[in-house]
N, C-alpha and C. Protein backbone atom coordinates (compact mmCIF):
# COMPACT_ATOMS: atom_id res chain seq x y z
N UNK A 1 -24.01 -15.12 -23.21
CA UNK A 1 -23.36 -14.71 -21.98
C UNK A 1 -21.84 -14.57 -22.15
N UNK A 2 -21.13 -15.56 -22.74
CA UNK A 2 -19.68 -15.41 -22.90
C UNK A 2 -19.30 -14.24 -23.79
N UNK A 3 -20.19 -13.82 -24.69
CA UNK A 3 -19.87 -12.69 -25.57
C UNK A 3 -19.74 -11.39 -24.76
N UNK A 4 -20.39 -11.33 -23.59
CA UNK A 4 -20.29 -10.13 -22.76
C UNK A 4 -18.90 -9.97 -22.15
N UNK A 5 -18.17 -11.07 -22.01
CA UNK A 5 -16.83 -11.03 -21.44
C UNK A 5 -15.75 -10.80 -22.49
N UNK A 6 -16.12 -10.70 -23.74
CA UNK A 6 -15.14 -10.53 -24.81
C UNK A 6 -14.27 -9.29 -24.63
N UNK A 7 -14.83 -8.11 -24.28
CA UNK A 7 -13.96 -6.94 -24.08
C UNK A 7 -12.93 -7.14 -22.96
N UNK A 8 -13.31 -7.85 -21.90
CA UNK A 8 -12.38 -8.08 -20.81
C UNK A 8 -11.24 -8.98 -21.27
N UNK A 9 -11.59 -10.06 -21.97
CA UNK A 9 -10.56 -10.97 -22.47
C UNK A 9 -9.67 -10.28 -23.50
N UNK A 10 -10.25 -9.43 -24.33
CA UNK A 10 -9.48 -8.70 -25.33
C UNK A 10 -8.49 -7.74 -24.65
N UNK A 11 -8.94 -7.05 -23.61
CA UNK A 11 -8.07 -6.14 -22.87
C UNK A 11 -6.92 -6.91 -22.21
N UNK A 12 -7.25 -8.03 -21.59
CA UNK A 12 -6.20 -8.84 -20.96
C UNK A 12 -5.21 -9.36 -22.01
N UNK A 13 -5.71 -9.79 -23.15
CA UNK A 13 -4.85 -10.31 -24.21
C UNK A 13 -3.94 -9.22 -24.77
N UNK A 14 -4.47 -8.04 -24.99
CA UNK A 14 -3.66 -6.92 -25.50
C UNK A 14 -2.61 -6.53 -24.46
N UNK A 15 -2.99 -6.45 -23.19
CA UNK A 15 -2.03 -6.10 -22.14
C UNK A 15 -0.93 -7.13 -22.00
N UNK A 16 -1.29 -8.40 -22.03
CA UNK A 16 -0.30 -9.46 -21.94
C UNK A 16 0.62 -9.46 -23.16
N UNK A 17 0.03 -9.29 -24.34
CA UNK A 17 0.84 -9.25 -25.56
C UNK A 17 1.80 -8.07 -25.58
N UNK A 18 1.32 -6.91 -25.15
CA UNK A 18 2.16 -5.72 -25.10
C UNK A 18 3.31 -5.91 -24.11
N UNK A 19 3.03 -6.50 -22.95
CA UNK A 19 4.07 -6.74 -21.96
C UNK A 19 5.14 -7.69 -22.50
N UNK A 20 4.70 -8.77 -23.12
CA UNK A 20 5.66 -9.73 -23.68
C UNK A 20 6.47 -9.08 -24.80
N UNK A 21 5.82 -8.28 -25.64
CA UNK A 21 6.51 -7.60 -26.72
C UNK A 21 7.59 -6.66 -26.18
N UNK A 22 7.29 -5.90 -25.14
CA UNK A 22 8.28 -4.99 -24.55
C UNK A 22 9.45 -5.75 -23.92
N UNK A 23 9.17 -6.89 -23.29
CA UNK A 23 10.25 -7.69 -22.73
C UNK A 23 11.17 -8.23 -23.82
N UNK A 24 10.59 -8.67 -24.93
CA UNK A 24 11.39 -9.20 -26.04
C UNK A 24 12.24 -8.09 -26.66
N UNK A 25 11.64 -6.92 -26.87
CA UNK A 25 12.39 -5.80 -27.45
C UNK A 25 13.53 -5.37 -26.53
N UNK A 26 13.26 -5.30 -25.22
CA UNK A 26 14.30 -4.92 -24.27
C UNK A 26 15.43 -5.94 -24.25
N UNK A 27 15.09 -7.19 -24.40
CA UNK A 27 16.11 -8.24 -24.41
C UNK A 27 16.96 -8.17 -25.68
N UNK A 28 16.34 -7.80 -26.80
CA UNK A 28 17.06 -7.75 -28.07
C UNK A 28 17.98 -6.53 -28.14
N UNK A 29 17.44 -5.34 -27.82
CA UNK A 29 18.22 -4.12 -28.02
C UNK A 29 18.91 -3.61 -26.76
N UNK A 30 18.66 -4.26 -25.63
CA UNK A 30 19.25 -3.80 -24.37
C UNK A 30 20.74 -4.11 -24.28
N UNK A 31 21.47 -3.37 -23.43
CA UNK A 31 22.90 -3.61 -23.27
C UNK A 31 23.15 -4.97 -22.61
N UNK A 32 24.22 -5.61 -23.05
CA UNK A 32 24.52 -6.94 -22.53
C UNK A 32 25.90 -7.02 -21.89
N UNK A 33 26.57 -5.90 -21.72
CA UNK A 33 27.91 -5.89 -21.14
C UNK A 33 27.79 -6.05 -19.62
N UNK A 34 28.47 -7.04 -19.07
CA UNK A 34 28.46 -7.28 -17.63
C UNK A 34 29.63 -6.54 -17.00
N UNK A 35 29.33 -5.66 -16.06
CA UNK A 35 30.33 -4.86 -15.36
C UNK A 35 30.22 -5.18 -13.87
N UNK A 36 31.35 -5.16 -13.17
CA UNK A 36 31.35 -5.48 -11.74
C UNK A 36 30.45 -4.53 -10.94
N UNK A 37 30.40 -3.27 -11.34
CA UNK A 37 29.58 -2.31 -10.63
C UNK A 37 28.10 -2.65 -10.73
N UNK A 38 27.68 -3.25 -11.84
CA UNK A 38 26.27 -3.65 -11.98
C UNK A 38 25.91 -4.79 -11.04
N UNK A 39 26.86 -5.61 -10.71
CA UNK A 39 26.60 -6.78 -9.90
C UNK A 39 26.70 -6.53 -8.40
N UNK A 40 27.11 -5.32 -7.99
CA UNK A 40 27.22 -5.03 -6.56
C UNK A 40 25.86 -4.66 -5.99
N UNK A 41 25.73 -4.80 -4.69
CA UNK A 41 24.49 -4.45 -4.00
C UNK A 41 24.41 -2.93 -3.88
N UNK A 42 23.23 -2.39 -4.12
CA UNK A 42 23.04 -0.94 -4.05
C UNK A 42 22.09 -0.62 -2.91
N UNK A 43 22.58 0.17 -1.97
CA UNK A 43 21.76 0.60 -0.84
C UNK A 43 21.90 2.10 -0.68
N UNK A 44 21.08 2.84 -1.33
CA UNK A 44 21.06 4.30 -1.21
C UNK A 44 22.41 4.93 -1.51
N UNK A 45 23.16 4.34 -2.42
CA UNK A 45 24.45 4.89 -2.79
C UNK A 45 25.56 4.57 -1.83
N UNK A 46 25.29 3.75 -0.82
CA UNK A 46 26.29 3.42 0.18
C UNK A 46 26.67 1.95 0.03
N UNK A 47 27.91 1.65 0.37
CA UNK A 47 28.36 0.26 0.36
C UNK A 47 27.70 -0.48 1.52
N UNK A 48 27.18 -1.67 1.27
CA UNK A 48 26.56 -2.42 2.37
C UNK A 48 27.63 -2.89 3.36
N UNK A 49 27.32 -2.83 4.64
CA UNK A 49 28.29 -3.23 5.66
C UNK A 49 27.82 -4.43 6.47
N UNK A 50 26.62 -4.95 6.18
CA UNK A 50 26.12 -6.15 6.84
C UNK A 50 25.58 -7.09 5.78
N UNK A 51 25.23 -8.28 6.22
CA UNK A 51 24.67 -9.25 5.28
C UNK A 51 23.20 -8.95 5.03
N UNK A 52 22.68 -9.53 3.98
CA UNK A 52 21.27 -9.34 3.66
C UNK A 52 20.36 -10.20 4.53
N UNK A 53 20.93 -11.10 5.30
CA UNK A 53 20.14 -12.01 6.12
C UNK A 53 20.05 -11.56 7.57
N UNK A 54 20.29 -10.30 7.82
CA UNK A 54 20.22 -9.77 9.18
C UNK A 54 18.77 -9.79 9.66
N UNK A 55 18.57 -10.13 10.91
CA UNK A 55 17.22 -10.17 11.47
C UNK A 55 16.81 -8.79 11.96
N UNK A 56 15.55 -8.47 11.72
CA UNK A 56 14.98 -7.22 12.21
C UNK A 56 14.14 -7.51 13.44
N UNK A 57 14.03 -6.53 14.28
CA UNK A 57 13.20 -6.65 15.47
C UNK A 57 11.73 -6.72 15.07
N UNK A 58 10.96 -7.42 15.87
CA UNK A 58 9.53 -7.52 15.62
C UNK A 58 8.88 -6.14 15.75
N UNK A 59 9.46 -5.28 16.55
CA UNK A 59 8.93 -3.92 16.72
C UNK A 59 8.87 -3.18 15.38
N UNK A 60 9.86 -3.41 14.53
CA UNK A 60 9.89 -2.75 13.23
C UNK A 60 8.64 -3.12 12.43
N UNK A 61 8.33 -4.40 12.40
CA UNK A 61 7.16 -4.85 11.64
C UNK A 61 5.86 -4.41 12.31
N UNK A 62 5.85 -4.39 13.64
CA UNK A 62 4.66 -3.96 14.36
C UNK A 62 4.35 -2.50 14.05
N UNK A 63 5.35 -1.65 14.08
CA UNK A 63 5.14 -0.24 13.76
C UNK A 63 4.68 -0.08 12.32
N UNK A 64 5.26 -0.85 11.40
CA UNK A 64 4.86 -0.77 9.99
C UNK A 64 3.40 -1.18 9.81
N UNK A 65 3.00 -2.25 10.46
CA UNK A 65 1.61 -2.72 10.34
C UNK A 65 0.66 -1.72 10.96
N UNK A 66 1.02 -1.16 12.11
CA UNK A 66 0.16 -0.17 12.75
C UNK A 66 0.04 1.09 11.90
N UNK A 67 1.13 1.50 11.29
CA UNK A 67 1.07 2.66 10.41
C UNK A 67 0.11 2.41 9.25
N UNK A 68 0.24 1.26 8.61
CA UNK A 68 -0.63 0.94 7.48
C UNK A 68 -2.08 0.86 7.94
N UNK A 69 -2.32 0.23 9.08
CA UNK A 69 -3.68 0.10 9.60
C UNK A 69 -4.32 1.46 9.83
N UNK A 70 -3.65 2.33 10.55
CA UNK A 70 -4.24 3.64 10.85
C UNK A 70 -4.27 4.53 9.61
N UNK A 71 -3.31 4.38 8.73
CA UNK A 71 -3.29 5.16 7.51
C UNK A 71 -4.49 4.81 6.63
N UNK A 72 -4.78 3.53 6.50
CA UNK A 72 -5.90 3.10 5.68
C UNK A 72 -7.22 3.51 6.30
N UNK A 73 -7.31 3.45 7.62
CA UNK A 73 -8.56 3.86 8.27
C UNK A 73 -8.81 5.35 8.10
N UNK A 74 -7.75 6.14 8.14
CA UNK A 74 -7.91 7.58 7.98
C UNK A 74 -8.35 7.93 6.55
N UNK A 75 -8.02 7.08 5.60
CA UNK A 75 -8.44 7.33 4.21
C UNK A 75 -9.96 7.37 4.09
N UNK A 76 -10.67 6.69 4.99
CA UNK A 76 -12.13 6.69 4.95
C UNK A 76 -12.72 8.04 5.33
N UNK A 77 -11.95 8.91 5.95
CA UNK A 77 -12.45 10.24 6.30
C UNK A 77 -12.69 11.11 5.06
N UNK A 78 -11.86 10.97 4.06
CA UNK A 78 -11.94 11.86 2.90
C UNK A 78 -13.27 11.75 2.14
N UNK A 79 -13.70 10.57 1.71
CA UNK A 79 -14.99 10.52 0.99
C UNK A 79 -16.16 10.93 1.88
N UNK A 80 -16.06 10.65 3.16
CA UNK A 80 -17.12 11.07 4.08
C UNK A 80 -17.18 12.59 4.14
N UNK A 81 -16.01 13.24 4.24
CA UNK A 81 -15.98 14.70 4.33
C UNK A 81 -16.44 15.35 3.04
N UNK A 82 -16.10 14.76 1.90
CA UNK A 82 -16.49 15.33 0.61
C UNK A 82 -18.00 15.28 0.42
N UNK A 83 -18.62 14.19 0.85
CA UNK A 83 -20.06 14.01 0.63
C UNK A 83 -20.89 14.30 1.88
N UNK A 84 -20.30 14.98 2.84
CA UNK A 84 -20.99 15.18 4.12
C UNK A 84 -22.30 15.96 3.96
N UNK A 85 -22.30 17.03 3.16
CA UNK A 85 -23.53 17.83 3.00
C UNK A 85 -24.66 17.02 2.39
N UNK A 86 -24.34 16.26 1.33
CA UNK A 86 -25.37 15.45 0.68
C UNK A 86 -25.86 14.35 1.61
N UNK A 87 -24.93 13.74 2.34
CA UNK A 87 -25.32 12.68 3.26
C UNK A 87 -26.15 13.21 4.43
N UNK A 88 -25.85 14.43 4.87
CA UNK A 88 -26.62 15.02 5.95
C UNK A 88 -28.05 15.31 5.49
N UNK A 89 -28.20 15.74 4.26
CA UNK A 89 -29.55 15.98 3.73
C UNK A 89 -30.35 14.68 3.66
N UNK A 90 -29.67 13.60 3.35
CA UNK A 90 -30.34 12.32 3.15
C UNK A 90 -30.57 11.58 4.47
N UNK A 91 -29.55 11.58 5.35
CA UNK A 91 -29.63 10.77 6.56
C UNK A 91 -29.70 11.58 7.85
N UNK A 92 -29.53 12.87 7.77
CA UNK A 92 -29.61 13.71 8.95
C UNK A 92 -28.42 13.54 9.88
N UNK A 93 -28.70 13.52 11.17
CA UNK A 93 -27.66 13.44 12.20
C UNK A 93 -27.02 12.06 12.27
N UNK A 94 -27.69 11.04 11.74
CA UNK A 94 -27.18 9.67 11.80
C UNK A 94 -25.79 9.54 11.19
N UNK A 95 -25.55 10.22 10.08
CA UNK A 95 -24.27 10.09 9.38
C UNK A 95 -23.13 10.68 10.22
N UNK A 96 -23.42 11.74 10.96
CA UNK A 96 -22.41 12.32 11.85
C UNK A 96 -22.13 11.40 13.02
N UNK A 97 -23.17 10.83 13.61
CA UNK A 97 -23.00 9.92 14.74
C UNK A 97 -22.26 8.64 14.31
N UNK A 98 -22.52 8.19 13.10
CA UNK A 98 -21.83 7.01 12.58
C UNK A 98 -20.32 7.25 12.48
N UNK A 99 -19.93 8.42 11.97
CA UNK A 99 -18.50 8.74 11.88
C UNK A 99 -17.93 8.98 13.27
N UNK A 100 -18.71 9.50 14.17
CA UNK A 100 -18.25 9.69 15.54
C UNK A 100 -17.95 8.34 16.20
N UNK A 101 -18.79 7.34 15.96
CA UNK A 101 -18.53 5.99 16.47
C UNK A 101 -17.25 5.44 15.85
N UNK A 102 -17.06 5.65 14.55
CA UNK A 102 -15.84 5.19 13.87
C UNK A 102 -14.60 5.84 14.49
N UNK A 103 -14.66 7.14 14.74
CA UNK A 103 -13.53 7.85 15.34
C UNK A 103 -13.26 7.35 16.76
N UNK A 104 -14.31 7.09 17.53
CA UNK A 104 -14.13 6.60 18.90
C UNK A 104 -13.48 5.22 18.89
N UNK A 105 -13.92 4.33 17.98
CA UNK A 105 -13.30 3.01 17.87
C UNK A 105 -11.84 3.14 17.47
N UNK A 106 -11.56 4.02 16.54
CA UNK A 106 -10.18 4.27 16.11
C UNK A 106 -9.34 4.81 17.27
N UNK A 107 -9.88 5.72 18.02
CA UNK A 107 -9.18 6.30 19.17
C UNK A 107 -8.95 5.26 20.26
N UNK A 108 -9.94 4.41 20.53
CA UNK A 108 -9.76 3.36 21.53
C UNK A 108 -8.67 2.37 21.11
N UNK A 109 -8.62 2.03 19.83
CA UNK A 109 -7.55 1.16 19.33
C UNK A 109 -6.20 1.81 19.48
N UNK A 110 -6.13 3.10 19.21
CA UNK A 110 -4.88 3.85 19.34
C UNK A 110 -4.42 3.88 20.80
N UNK A 111 -5.34 4.15 21.70
CA UNK A 111 -5.00 4.18 23.14
C UNK A 111 -4.57 2.81 23.61
N UNK A 112 -5.23 1.75 23.13
CA UNK A 112 -4.88 0.39 23.51
C UNK A 112 -3.45 0.04 23.11
N UNK A 113 -3.09 0.33 21.86
CA UNK A 113 -1.73 -0.02 21.43
C UNK A 113 -0.70 0.90 22.09
N UNK A 114 -1.10 2.10 22.44
CA UNK A 114 -0.19 2.98 23.16
C UNK A 114 0.09 2.43 24.56
N UNK A 115 -0.97 1.99 25.26
CA UNK A 115 -0.81 1.43 26.60
C UNK A 115 -0.03 0.12 26.57
N UNK A 116 -0.15 -0.65 25.51
CA UNK A 116 0.59 -1.90 25.38
C UNK A 116 2.07 -1.66 25.09
N UNK A 117 2.45 -0.43 24.76
CA UNK A 117 3.86 -0.09 24.54
C UNK A 117 4.32 -0.35 23.12
N UNK A 118 3.41 -0.34 22.17
CA UNK A 118 3.79 -0.62 20.79
C UNK A 118 4.62 0.51 20.19
N UNK A 119 4.56 1.69 20.75
CA UNK A 119 5.30 2.82 20.17
C UNK A 119 6.66 3.04 20.82
N UNK A 120 7.01 2.25 21.82
CA UNK A 120 8.30 2.41 22.49
C UNK A 120 9.38 1.69 21.71
N UNK A 121 10.46 2.40 21.42
CA UNK A 121 11.62 1.80 20.75
C UNK A 121 12.65 1.47 21.80
N UNK A 122 12.80 0.22 22.11
CA UNK A 122 13.78 -0.22 23.12
C UNK A 122 15.11 -0.52 22.49
């Protein structure tokens, strides 16, 4: 049984060894001159005008989480659409109704967060 895991362990060992080797080589041949410009904060080519410890509104994180949530759910449409003909042959109308239920649940969630005011920027 453990012999079956040998390729996995070998792959992990090679990957880890290669990563360590690249870090050592970069440390040996990499530039070591410290310049003031390297030590400054970089924000899109602009000088920072506030501290890094500034608080963000919870709305920012809420919008980010909602975007990720709906973005990931929409990703499920692609494999369904690609295999729709084959799935229809196998399952008939059930596969269409199943996706319709998924879309309705997604739409109800969208309407709920819209009514709660999650999209309003105050």
